[in-house]
Amino acid sequence: GLDLQNCSLEDPGPNFPQAYTAVIIDLQA
């Protein structure tokens, strides 16, 4: 699981592929 909500992200960033095994991801706000 990965929770990056409310992180002022315009895109998930270059490290985002590290979470390819995630079942749930939160990118809201």
mmCIF file of all heavy atoms, coordinates in Angstrom:
data_MODEL
# 
_entry.id   MODEL 
# 
loop_
_atom_site.group_PDB 
_atom_site.id 
_atom_site.type_symbol 
_atom_site.label_atom_id 
_atom_site.label_alt_id 
_atom_site.label_comp_id 
_atom_site.label_asym_id 
_atom_site.label_entity_id 
_atom_site.label_seq_id 
_atom_site.pdbx_PDB_ins_code 
_atom_site.Cartn_x 
_atom_site.Cartn_y 
_atom_site.Cartn_z 
_atom_site.occupancy 
_atom_site.B_iso_or_equiv 
_atom_site.pdbx_formal_charge 
_atom_site.auth_seq_id 
_atom_site.auth_comp_id 
_atom_site.auth_asym_id 
_atom_site.auth_atom_id 
_atom_site.pdbx_PDB_model_num 
ATOM 1   N N   . GLY A 1 1  ? 0.831  -1.191 0.000   1.00 0.00 ? 1  GLY A N   1 
ATOM 2   C CA  . GLY A 1 1  ? 0.000  0.000  0.000   1.00 0.00 ? 1  GLY A CA  1 
ATOM 3   C C   . GLY A 1 1  ? 0.867  1.243  0.000   1.00 0.00 ? 1  GLY A C   1 
ATOM 4   O O   . GLY A 1 1  ? 1.952  1.256  0.587   1.00 0.00 ? 1  GLY A O   1 
ATOM 5   N N   . LEU A 1 2  ? 0.400  2.283  -0.690  1.00 0.00 ? 2  LEU A N   1 
ATOM 6   C CA  . LEU A 1 2  ? 1.140  3.546  -0.767  1.00 0.00 ? 2  LEU A CA  1 
ATOM 7   C C   . LEU A 1 2  ? 0.156  4.699  -0.636  1.00 0.00 ? 2  LEU A C   1 
ATOM 8   O O   . LEU A 1 2  ? -0.829 4.771  -1.372  1.00 0.00 ? 2  LEU A O   1 
ATOM 9   C CB  . LEU A 1 2  ? 1.890  3.638  -2.099  1.00 0.00 ? 2  LEU A CB  1 
ATOM 10  C CG  . LEU A 1 2  ? 2.636  4.942  -2.384  1.00 0.00 ? 2  LEU A CG  1 
ATOM 11  C CD1 . LEU A 1 2  ? 3.768  5.144  -1.381  1.00 0.00 ? 2  LEU A CD1 1 
ATOM 12  C CD2 . LEU A 1 2  ? 3.178  4.956  -3.807  1.00 0.00 ? 2  LEU A CD2 1 
ATOM 13  N N   . ASP A 1 3  ? 0.423  5.601  0.298   1.00 0.00 ? 3  ASP A N   1 
ATOM 14  C CA  . ASP A 1 3  ? -0.445 6.750  0.541   1.00 0.00 ? 3  ASP A CA  1 
ATOM 15  C C   . ASP A 1 3  ? 0.357  8.035  0.330   1.00 0.00 ? 3  ASP A C   1 
ATOM 16  O O   . ASP A 1 3  ? 1.142  8.437  1.177   1.00 0.00 ? 3  ASP A O   1 
ATOM 17  C CB  . ASP A 1 3  ? -0.996 6.701  1.968   1.00 0.00 ? 3  ASP A CB  1 
ATOM 18  C CG  . ASP A 1 3  ? -2.082 7.740  2.198   1.00 0.00 ? 3  ASP A CG  1 
ATOM 19  O OD1 . ASP A 1 3  ? -2.074 8.760  1.499   1.00 0.00 ? 3  ASP A OD1 1 
ATOM 20  O OD2 . ASP A 1 3  ? -2.937 7.527  3.070   1.00 0.00 ? 3  ASP A OD2 1 
ATOM 21  N N   . LEU A 1 4  ? 0.139  8.662  -0.824  1.00 0.00 ? 4  LEU A N   1 
ATOM 22  C CA  . LEU A 1 4  ? 0.816  9.921  -1.136  1.00 0.00 ? 4  LEU A CA  1 
ATOM 23  C C   . LEU A 1 4  ? -0.197 11.059 -1.265  1.00 0.00 ? 4  LEU A C   1 
ATOM 24  O O   . LEU A 1 4  ? 0.028  12.022 -1.999  1.00 0.00 ? 4  LEU A O   1 
ATOM 25  C CB  . LEU A 1 4  ? 1.617  9.791  -2.438  1.00 0.00 ? 4  LEU A CB  1 
ATOM 26  C CG  . LEU A 1 4  ? 2.810  8.837  -2.417  1.00 0.00 ? 4  LEU A CG  1 
ATOM 27  C CD1 . LEU A 1 4  ? 3.508  8.825  -3.778  1.00 0.00 ? 4  LEU A CD1 1 
ATOM 28  C CD2 . LEU A 1 4  ? 3.806  9.208  -1.325  1.00 0.00 ? 4  LEU A CD2 1 
ATOM 29  N N   . GLN A 1 5  ? -1.299 10.957 -0.564  1.00 0.00 ? 5  GLN A N   1 
ATOM 30  C CA  . GLN A 1 5  ? -2.294 12.014 -0.645  1.00 0.00 ? 5  GLN A CA  1 
ATOM 31  C C   . GLN A 1 5  ? -1.782 13.292 -0.004  1.00 0.00 ? 5  GLN A C   1 
ATOM 32  O O   . GLN A 1 5  ? -1.017 13.271 0.952   1.00 0.00 ? 5  GLN A O   1 
ATOM 33  C CB  . GLN A 1 5  ? -3.604 11.575 0.011   1.00 0.00 ? 5  GLN A CB  1 
ATOM 34  C CG  . GLN A 1 5  ? -3.513 11.257 1.493   1.00 0.00 ? 5  GLN A CG  1 
ATOM 35  C CD  . GLN A 1 5  ? -4.877 10.982 2.094   1.00 0.00 ? 5  GLN A CD  1 
ATOM 36  O OE1 . GLN A 1 5  ? -5.762 11.831 2.045   1.00 0.00 ? 5  GLN A OE1 1 
ATOM 37  N NE2 . GLN A 1 5  ? -5.053 9.783  2.639   1.00 0.00 ? 5  GLN A NE2 1 
ATOM 38  N N   . ASN A 1 6  ? -2.203 14.424 -0.601  1.00 0.00 ? 6  ASN A N   1 
ATOM 39  C CA  . ASN A 1 6  ? -1.858 15.748 -0.095  1.00 0.00 ? 6  ASN A CA  1 
ATOM 40  C C   . ASN A 1 6  ? -0.343 15.967 -0.023  1.00 0.00 ? 6  ASN A C   1 
ATOM 41  O O   . ASN A 1 6  ? 0.189  16.442 0.979   1.00 0.00 ? 6  ASN A O   1 
ATOM 42  C CB  . ASN A 1 6  ? -2.487 15.965 1.282   1.00 0.00 ? 6  ASN A CB  1 
ATOM 43  C CG  . ASN A 1 6  ? -2.567 17.437 1.644   1.00 0.00 ? 6  ASN A CG  1 
ATOM 44  O OD1 . ASN A 1 6  ? -2.539 18.301 0.775   1.00 0.00 ? 6  ASN A OD1 1 
ATOM 45  N ND2 . ASN A 1 6  ? -2.653 17.723 2.930   1.00 0.00 ? 6  ASN A ND2 1 
ATOM 46  N N   . CYS A 1 7  ? 0.347  15.624 -1.121  1.00 0.00 ? 7  CYS A N   1 
ATOM 47  C CA  . CYS A 1 7  ? 1.805  15.773 -1.175  1.00 0.00 ? 7  CYS A CA  1 
ATOM 48  C C   . CYS A 1 7  ? 2.248  16.792 -2.223  1.00 0.00 ? 7  CYS A C   1 
ATOM 49  O O   . CYS A 1 7  ? 3.430  16.863 -2.557  1.00 0.00 ? 7  CYS A O   1 
ATOM 50  C CB  . CYS A 1 7  ? 2.470  14.429 -1.469  1.00 0.00 ? 7  CYS A CB  1 
ATOM 51  S SG  . CYS A 1 7  ? 2.394  13.253 -0.110  1.00 0.00 ? 7  CYS A SG  1 
ATOM 52  N N   . SER A 1 8  ? 1.303  17.560 -2.764  1.00 0.00 ? 8  SER A N   1 
ATOM 53  C CA  . SER A 1 8  ? 1.606  18.593 -3.770  1.00 0.00 ? 8  SER A CA  1 
ATOM 54  C C   . SER A 1 8  ? 2.316  18.022 -4.994  1.00 0.00 ? 8  SER A C   1 
ATOM 55  O O   . SER A 1 8  ? 3.225  18.639 -5.550  1.00 0.00 ? 8  SER A O   1 
ATOM 56  C CB  . SER A 1 8  ? 2.451  19.719 -3.146  1.00 0.00 ? 8  SER A CB  1 
ATOM 57  O OG  . SER A 1 8  ? 1.794  20.305 -2.049  1.00 0.00 ? 8  SER A OG  1 
ATOM 58  N N   . LEU A 1 9  ? 1.891  16.867 -5.430  1.00 0.00 ? 9  LEU A N   1 
ATOM 59  C CA  . LEU A 1 9  ? 2.532  16.192 -6.566  1.00 0.00 ? 9  LEU A CA  1 
ATOM 60  C C   . LEU A 1 9  ? 1.828  16.541 -7.877  1.00 0.00 ? 9  LEU A C   1 
ATOM 61  O O   . LEU A 1 9  ? 0.617  16.420 -7.989  1.00 0.00 ? 9  LEU A O   1 
ATOM 62  C CB  . LEU A 1 9  ? 2.486  14.675 -6.372  1.00 0.00 ? 9  LEU A CB  1 
ATOM 63  C CG  . LEU A 1 9  ? 3.189  14.101 -5.135  1.00 0.00 ? 9  LEU A CG  1 
ATOM 64  C CD1 . LEU A 1 9  ? 2.937  12.602 -5.056  1.00 0.00 ? 9  LEU A CD1 1 
ATOM 65  C CD2 . LEU A 1 9  ? 4.666  14.404 -5.166  1.00 0.00 ? 9  LEU A CD2 1 
ATOM 66  N N   . GLU A 1 10 ? 2.624  16.951 -8.876  1.00 0.00 ? 10 GLU A N   1 
ATOM 67  C CA  . GLU A 1 10 ? 2.095  17.120 -10.224 1.00 0.00 ? 10 GLU A CA  1 
ATOM 68  C C   . GLU A 1 10 ? 2.191  15.809 -11.001 1.00 0.00 ? 10 GLU A C   1 
ATOM 69  O O   . GLU A 1 10 ? 1.455  15.588 -11.951 1.00 0.00 ? 10 GLU A O   1 
ATOM 70  C CB  . GLU A 1 10 ? 2.835  18.231 -10.960 1.00 0.00 ? 10 GLU A CB  1 
ATOM 71  C CG  . GLU A 1 10 ? 2.572  19.616 -10.379 1.00 0.00 ? 10 GLU A CG  1 
ATOM 72  C CD  . GLU A 1 10 ? 3.173  20.713 -11.223 1.00 0.00 ? 10 GLU A CD  1 
ATOM 73  O OE1 . GLU A 1 10 ? 3.828  20.386 -12.243 1.00 0.00 ? 10 GLU A OE1 1 
ATOM 74  O OE2 . GLU A 1 10 ? 3.008  21.894 -10.880 1.00 0.00 ? 10 GLU A OE2 1 
ATOM 75  N N   . ASP A 1 11 ? 3.138  14.969 -10.611 1.00 0.00 ? 11 ASP A N   1 
ATOM 76  C CA  . ASP A 1 11 ? 3.249  13.606 -11.136 1.00 0.00 ? 11 ASP A CA  1 
ATOM 77  C C   . ASP A 1 11 ? 3.842  12.741 -10.036 1.00 0.00 ? 11 ASP A C   1 
ATOM 78  O O   . ASP A 1 11 ? 4.487  13.254 -9.114  1.00 0.00 ? 11 ASP A O   1 
ATOM 79  C CB  . ASP A 1 11 ? 4.124  13.553 -12.401 1.00 0.00 ? 11 ASP A CB  1 
ATOM 80  C CG  . ASP A 1 11 ? 5.547  14.011 -12.132 1.00 0.00 ? 11 ASP A CG  1 
ATOM 81  O OD1 . ASP A 1 11 ? 6.329  13.215 -11.573 1.00 0.00 ? 11 ASP A OD1 1 
ATOM 82  O OD2 . ASP A 1 11 ? 5.894  15.161 -12.474 1.00 0.00 ? 11 ASP A OD2 1 
ATOM 83  N N   . PRO A 1 12 ? 3.627  11.430 -10.078 1.00 0.00 ? 12 PRO A N   1 
ATOM 84  C CA  . PRO A 1 12 ? 4.084  10.563 -8.983  1.00 0.00 ? 12 PRO A CA  1 
ATOM 85  C C   . PRO A 1 12 ? 5.597  10.529 -8.786  1.00 0.00 ? 12 PRO A C   1 
ATOM 86  O O   . PRO A 1 12 ? 6.063  10.122 -7.731  1.00 0.00 ? 12 PRO A O   1 
ATOM 87  C CB  . PRO A 1 12 ? 3.553  9.180  -9.395  1.00 0.00 ? 12 PRO A CB  1 
ATOM 88  C CG  . PRO A 1 12 ? 2.369  9.486  -10.251 1.00 0.00 ? 12 PRO A CG  1 
ATOM 89  C CD  . PRO A 1 12 ? 2.746  10.718 -11.012 1.00 0.00 ? 12 PRO A CD  1 
ATOM 90  N N   . GLY A 1 13 ? 6.387  10.927 -9.782  1.00 0.00 ? 13 GLY A N   1 
ATOM 91  C CA  . GLY A 1 13 ? 7.834  10.999 -9.611  1.00 0.00 ? 13 GLY A CA  1 
ATOM 92  C C   . GLY A 1 13 ? 8.574  9.764  -10.086 1.00 0.00 ? 13 GLY A C   1 
ATOM 93  O O   . GLY A 1 13 ? 7.989  8.708  -10.335 1.00 0.00 ? 13 GLY A O   1 
ATOM 94  N N   . PRO A 1 14 ? 9.905  9.861  -10.213 1.00 0.00 ? 14 PRO A N   1 
ATOM 95  C CA  . PRO A 1 14 ? 10.719 8.769  -10.763 1.00 0.00 ? 14 PRO A CA  1 
ATOM 96  C C   . PRO A 1 14 ? 10.791 7.524  -9.882  1.00 0.00 ? 14 PRO A C   1 
ATOM 97  O O   . PRO A 1 14 ? 11.111 6.439  -10.374 1.00 0.00 ? 14 PRO A O   1 
ATOM 98  C CB  . PRO A 1 14 ? 12.108 9.402  -10.923 1.00 0.00 ? 14 PRO A CB  1 
ATOM 99  C CG  . PRO A 1 14 ? 12.124 10.527 -9.923  1.00 0.00 ? 14 PRO A CG  1 
ATOM 100 C CD  . PRO A 1 14 ? 10.720 11.043 -9.866  1.00 0.00 ? 14 PRO A CD  1 
ATOM 101 N N   . ASN A 1 15 ? 10.527 7.668  -8.585  1.00 0.00 ? 15 ASN A N   1 
ATOM 102 C CA  . ASN A 1 15 ? 10.589 6.513  -7.683  1.00 0.00 ? 15 ASN A CA  1 
ATOM 103 C C   . ASN A 1 15 ? 9.281  5.732  -7.619  1.00 0.00 ? 15 ASN A C   1 
ATOM 104 O O   . ASN A 1 15 ? 9.212  4.689  -6.977  1.00 0.00 ? 15 ASN A O   1 
ATOM 105 C CB  . ASN A 1 15 ? 10.968 6.968  -6.263  1.00 0.00 ? 15 ASN A CB  1 
ATOM 106 C CG  . ASN A 1 15 ? 12.375 7.517  -6.181  1.00 0.00 ? 15 ASN A CG  1 
ATOM 107 O OD1 . ASN A 1 15 ? 13.277 7.038  -6.860  1.00 0.00 ? 15 ASN A OD1 1 
ATOM 108 N ND2 . ASN A 1 15 ? 12.558 8.534  -5.358  1.00 0.00 ? 15 ASN A ND2 1 
ATOM 109 N N   . PHE A 1 16 ? 8.268  6.235  -8.294  1.00 0.00 ? 16 PHE A N   1 
ATOM 110 C CA  . PHE A 1 16 ? 6.948  5.605  -8.210  1.00 0.00 ? 16 PHE A CA  1 
ATOM 111 C C   . PHE A 1 16 ? 6.941  4.142  -8.647  1.00 0.00 ? 16 PHE A C   1 
ATOM 112 O O   . PHE A 1 16 ? 6.216  3.331  -8.058  1.00 0.00 ? 16 PHE A O   1 
ATOM 113 C CB  . PHE A 1 16 ? 5.943  6.408  -9.032  1.00 0.00 ? 16 PHE A CB  1 
ATOM 114 C CG  . PHE A 1 16 ? 4.513  6.013  -8.802  1.00 0.00 ? 16 PHE A CG  1 
ATOM 115 C CD1 . PHE A 1 16 ? 3.882  6.245  -7.593  1.00 0.00 ? 16 PHE A CD1 1 
ATOM 116 C CD2 . PHE A 1 16 ? 3.795  5.372  -9.803  1.00 0.00 ? 16 PHE A CD2 1 
ATOM 117 C CE1 . PHE A 1 16 ? 2.573  5.871  -7.379  1.00 0.00 ? 16 PHE A CE1 1 
ATOM 118 C CE2 . PHE A 1 16 ? 2.485  4.997  -9.607  1.00 0.00 ? 16 PHE A CE2 1 
ATOM 119 C CZ  . PHE A 1 16 ? 1.860  5.247  -8.388  1.00 0.00 ? 16 PHE A CZ  1 
ATOM 120 N N   . PRO A 1 17 ? 7.706  3.736  -9.672  1.00 0.00 ? 17 PRO A N   1 
ATOM 121 C CA  . PRO A 1 17 ? 7.715  2.316  -10.065 1.00 0.00 ? 17 PRO A CA  1 
ATOM 122 C C   . PRO A 1 17 ? 8.140  1.361  -8.962  1.00 0.00 ? 17 PRO A C   1 
ATOM 123 O O   . PRO A 1 17 ? 7.901  0.156  -9.067  1.00 0.00 ? 17 PRO A O   1 
ATOM 124 C CB  . PRO A 1 17 ? 8.714  2.282  -11.237 1.00 0.00 ? 17 PRO A CB  1 
ATOM 125 C CG  . PRO A 1 17 ? 8.641  3.653  -11.819 1.00 0.00 ? 17 PRO A CG  1 
ATOM 126 C CD  . PRO A 1 17 ? 8.457  4.564  -10.644 1.00 0.00 ? 17 PRO A CD  1 
ATOM 127 N N   . GLN A 1 18 ? 8.761  1.868  -7.892  1.00 0.00 ? 18 GLN A N   1 
ATOM 128 C CA  . GLN A 1 18 ? 9.125  1.007  -6.769  1.00 0.00 ? 18 GLN A CA  1 
ATOM 129 C C   . GLN A 1 18 ? 7.890  0.401  -6.107  1.00 0.00 ? 18 GLN A C   1 
ATOM 130 O O   . GLN A 1 18 ? 7.990  -0.621 -5.427  1.00 0.00 ? 18 GLN A O   1 
ATOM 131 C CB  . GLN A 1 18 ? 9.922  1.798  -5.723  1.00 0.00 ? 18 GLN A CB  1 
ATOM 132 C CG  . GLN A 1 18 ? 11.269 2.295  -6.206  1.00 0.00 ? 18 GLN A CG  1 
ATOM 133 C CD  . GLN A 1 18 ? 11.959 3.183  -5.177  1.00 0.00 ? 18 GLN A CD  1 
ATOM 134 O OE1 . GLN A 1 18 ? 11.386 3.527  -4.143  1.00 0.00 ? 18 GLN A OE1 1 
ATOM 135 N NE2 . GLN A 1 18 ? 13.193 3.560  -5.458  1.00 0.00 ? 18 GLN A NE2 1 
ATOM 136 N N   . ALA A 1 19 ? 6.736  1.007  -6.320  1.00 0.00 ? 19 ALA A N   1 
ATOM 137 C CA  . ALA A 1 19 ? 5.492  0.543  -5.694  1.00 0.00 ? 19 ALA A CA  1 
ATOM 138 C C   . ALA A 1 19 ? 4.682  -0.342 -6.631  1.00 0.00 ? 19 ALA A C   1 
ATOM 139 O O   . ALA A 1 19 ? 3.468  -0.467 -6.461  1.00 0.00 ? 19 ALA A O   1 
ATOM 140 C CB  . ALA A 1 19 ? 4.656  1.739  -5.253  1.00 0.00 ? 19 ALA A CB  1 
ATOM 141 N N   . TYR A 1 20 ? 5.344  -0.984 -7.606  1.00 0.00 ? 20 TYR A N   1 
ATOM 142 C CA  . TYR A 1 20 ? 4.611  -1.780 -8.599  1.00 0.00 ? 20 TYR A CA  1 
ATOM 143 C C   . TYR A 1 20 ? 3.895  -2.983 -7.983  1.00 0.00 ? 20 TYR A C   1 
ATOM 144 O O   . TYR A 1 20 ? 2.995  -3.560 -8.600  1.00 0.00 ? 20 TYR A O   1 
ATOM 145 C CB  . TYR A 1 20 ? 5.564  -2.250 -9.702  1.00 0.00 ? 20 TYR A CB  1 
ATOM 146 C CG  . TYR A 1 20 ? 6.496  -3.362 -9.298  1.00 0.00 ? 20 TYR A CG  1 
ATOM 147 C CD1 . TYR A 1 20 ? 6.195  -4.694 -9.579  1.00 0.00 ? 20 TYR A CD1 1 
ATOM 148 C CD2 . TYR A 1 20 ? 7.682  -3.091 -8.620  1.00 0.00 ? 20 TYR A CD2 1 
ATOM 149 C CE1 . TYR A 1 20 ? 7.050  -5.719 -9.202  1.00 0.00 ? 20 TYR A CE1 1 
ATOM 150 C CE2 . TYR A 1 20 ? 8.531  -4.101 -8.239  1.00 0.00 ? 20 TYR A CE2 1 
ATOM 151 C CZ  . TYR A 1 20 ? 8.217  -5.409 -8.538  1.00 0.00 ? 20 TYR A CZ  1 
ATOM 152 O OH  . TYR A 1 20 ? 9.078  -6.423 -8.159  1.00 0.00 ? 20 TYR A OH  1 
ATOM 153 N N   . THR A 1 21 ? 4.265  -3.373 -6.774  1.00 0.00 ? 21 THR A N   1 
ATOM 154 C CA  . THR A 1 21 ? 3.614  -4.513 -6.104  1.00 0.00 ? 21 THR A CA  1 
ATOM 155 C C   . THR A 1 21 ? 2.393  -4.088 -5.296  1.00 0.00 ? 21 THR A C   1 
ATOM 156 O O   . THR A 1 21 ? 1.732  -4.947 -4.699  1.00 0.00 ? 21 THR A O   1 
ATOM 157 C CB  . THR A 1 21 ? 4.615  -5.195 -5.156  1.00 0.00 ? 21 THR A CB  1 
ATOM 158 O OG1 . THR A 1 21 ? 5.173  -4.212 -4.266  1.00 0.00 ? 21 THR A OG1 1 
ATOM 159 C CG2 . THR A 1 21 ? 5.750  -5.846 -5.931  1.00 0.00 ? 21 THR A CG2 1 
ATOM 160 N N   . ALA A 1 22 ? 2.083  -2.800 -5.271  1.00 0.00 ? 22 ALA A N   1 
ATOM 161 C CA  . ALA A 1 22 ? 1.008  -2.291 -4.415  1.00 0.00 ? 22 ALA A CA  1 
ATOM 162 C C   . ALA A 1 22 ? -0.356 -2.803 -4.845  1.00 0.00 ? 22 ALA A C   1 
ATOM 163 O O   . ALA A 1 22 ? -0.651 -2.928 -6.032  1.00 0.00 ? 22 ALA A O   1 
ATOM 164 C CB  . ALA A 1 22 ? 1.014  -0.770 -4.419  1.00 0.00 ? 22 ALA A CB  1 
ATOM 165 N N   . VAL A 1 23 ? -1.181 -3.079 -3.852  1.00 0.00 ? 23 VAL A N   1 
ATOM 166 C CA  . VAL A 1 23 ? -2.566 -3.478 -4.070  1.00 0.00 ? 23 VAL A CA  1 
ATOM 167 C C   . VAL A 1 23 ? -3.478 -2.256 -3.970  1.00 0.00 ? 23 VAL A C   1 
ATOM 168 O O   . VAL A 1 23 ? -4.510 -2.192 -4.639  1.00 0.00 ? 23 VAL A O   1 
ATOM 169 C CB  . VAL A 1 23 ? -2.986 -4.546 -3.043  1.00 0.00 ? 23 VAL A CB  1 
ATOM 170 C CG1 . VAL A 1 23 ? -4.456 -4.920 -3.194  1.00 0.00 ? 23 VAL A CG1 1 
ATOM 171 C CG2 . VAL A 1 23 ? -2.111 -5.790 -3.181  1.00 0.00 ? 23 VAL A CG2 1 
ATOM 172 N N   . ILE A 1 24 ? -3.077 -1.277 -3.161  1.00 0.00 ? 24 ILE A N   1 
ATOM 173 C CA  . ILE A 1 24 ? -3.880 -0.070 -2.970  1.00 0.00 ? 24 ILE A CA  1 
ATOM 174 C C   . ILE A 1 24 ? -2.958 1.150  -2.960  1.00 0.00 ? 24 ILE A C   1 
ATOM 175 O O   . ILE A 1 24 ? -1.894 1.132  -2.329  1.00 0.00 ? 24 ILE A O   1 
ATOM 176 C CB  . ILE A 1 24 ? -4.706 -0.151 -1.662  1.00 0.00 ? 24 ILE A CB  1 
ATOM 177 C CG1 . ILE A 1 24 ? -5.506 1.133  -1.457  1.00 0.00 ? 24 ILE A CG1 1 
ATOM 178 C CG2 . ILE A 1 24 ? -3.831 -0.462 -0.452  1.00 0.00 ? 24 ILE A CG2 1 
ATOM 179 C CD1 . ILE A 1 24 ? -6.517 1.045  -0.327  1.00 0.00 ? 24 ILE A CD1 1 
ATOM 180 N N   . ILE A 1 25 ? -3.353 2.203  -3.682  1.00 0.00 ? 25 ILE A N   1 
ATOM 181 C CA  . ILE A 1 25 ? -2.585 3.447  -3.764  1.00 0.00 ? 25 ILE A CA  1 
ATOM 182 C C   . ILE A 1 25 ? -3.541 4.625  -3.627  1.00 0.00 ? 25 ILE A C   1 
ATOM 183 O O   . ILE A 1 25 ? -4.601 4.651  -4.257  1.00 0.00 ? 25 ILE A O   1 
ATOM 184 C CB  . ILE A 1 25 ? -1.807 3.543  -5.091  1.00 0.00 ? 25 ILE A CB  1 
ATOM 185 C CG1 . ILE A 1 25 ? -0.742 2.434  -5.181  1.00 0.00 ? 25 ILE A CG1 1 
ATOM 186 C CG2 . ILE A 1 25 ? -1.138 4.909  -5.237  1.00 0.00 ? 25 ILE A CG2 1 
ATOM 187 C CD1 . ILE A 1 25 ? 0.019  2.418  -6.491  1.00 0.00 ? 25 ILE A CD1 1 
ATOM 188 N N   . ASP A 1 26 ? -3.147 5.601  -2.831  1.00 0.00 ? 26 ASP A N   1 
ATOM 189 C CA  . ASP A 1 26 ? -3.962 6.808  -2.625  1.00 0.00 ? 26 ASP A CA  1 
ATOM 190 C C   . ASP A 1 26 ? -3.161 8.032  -3.081  1.00 0.00 ? 26 ASP A C   1 
ATOM 191 O O   . ASP A 1 26 ? -2.117 8.348  -2.513  1.00 0.00 ? 26 ASP A O   1 
ATOM 192 C CB  . ASP A 1 26 ? -4.338 6.944  -1.151  1.00 0.00 ? 26 ASP A CB  1 
ATOM 193 C CG  . ASP A 1 26 ? -5.445 7.972  -0.933  1.00 0.00 ? 26 ASP A CG  1 
ATOM 194 O OD1 . ASP A 1 26 ? -5.577 8.876  -1.775  1.00 0.00 ? 26 ASP A OD1 1 
ATOM 195 O OD2 . ASP A 1 26 ? -6.169 7.865  0.066   1.00 0.00 ? 26 ASP A OD2 1 
ATOM 196 N N   . LEU A 1 27 ? -3.661 8.705  -4.123  1.00 0.00 ? 27 LEU A N   1 
ATOM 197 C CA  . LEU A 1 27 ? -2.998 9.897  -4.659  1.00 0.00 ? 27 LEU A CA  1 
ATOM 198 C C   . LEU A 1 27 ? -3.906 11.123 -4.624  1.00 0.00 ? 27 LEU A C   1 
ATOM 199 O O   . LEU A 1 27 ? -3.627 12.120 -5.298  1.00 0.00 ? 27 LEU A O   1 
ATOM 200 C CB  . LEU A 1 27 ? -2.555 9.646  -6.105  1.00 0.00 ? 27 LEU A CB  1 
ATOM 201 C CG  . LEU A 1 27 ? -1.474 8.592  -6.328  1.00 0.00 ? 27 LEU A CG  1 
ATOM 202 C CD1 . LEU A 1 27 ? -1.272 8.358  -7.820  1.00 0.00 ? 27 LEU A CD1 1 
ATOM 203 C CD2 . LEU A 1 27 ? -0.162 8.998  -5.680  1.00 0.00 ? 27 LEU A CD2 1 
ATOM 204 N N   . GLN A 1 28 ? -4.967 11.064 -3.865  1.00 0.00 ? 28 GLN A N   1 
ATOM 205 C CA  . GLN A 1 28 ? -5.919 12.175 -3.844  1.00 0.00 ? 28 GLN A CA  1 
ATOM 206 C C   . GLN A 1 28 ? -5.294 13.424 -3.231  1.00 0.00 ? 28 GLN A C   1 
ATOM 207 O O   . GLN A 1 28 ? -4.256 13.372 -2.572  1.00 0.00 ? 28 GLN A O   1 
ATOM 208 C CB  . GLN A 1 28 ? -7.170 11.785 -3.056  1.00 0.00 ? 28 GLN A CB  1 
ATOM 209 C CG  . GLN A 1 28 ? -6.944 11.516 -1.585  1.00 0.00 ? 28 GLN A CG  1 
ATOM 210 C CD  . GLN A 1 28 ? -8.228 11.169 -0.867  1.00 0.00 ? 28 GLN A CD  1 
ATOM 211 O OE1 . GLN A 1 28 ? -9.199 11.913 -0.923  1.00 0.00 ? 28 GLN A OE1 1 
ATOM 212 N NE2 . GLN A 1 28 ? -8.248 10.018 -0.199  1.00 0.00 ? 28 GLN A NE2 1 
ATOM 213 N N   . ALA A 1 29 ? -5.952 14.581 -3.471  1.00 0.00 ? 29 ALA A N   1 
ATOM 214 C CA  . ALA A 1 29 ? -5.517 15.878 -2.939  1.00 0.00 ? 29 ALA A CA  1 
ATOM 215 C C   . ALA A 1 29 ? -4.136 16.264 -3.450  1.00 0.00 ? 29 ALA A C   1 
ATOM 216 O O   . ALA A 1 29 ? -3.325 16.831 -2.715  1.00 0.00 ? 29 ALA A O   1 
ATOM 217 C CB  . ALA A 1 29 ? -5.540 15.871 -1.401  1.00 0.00 ? 29 ALA A CB  1 
# 
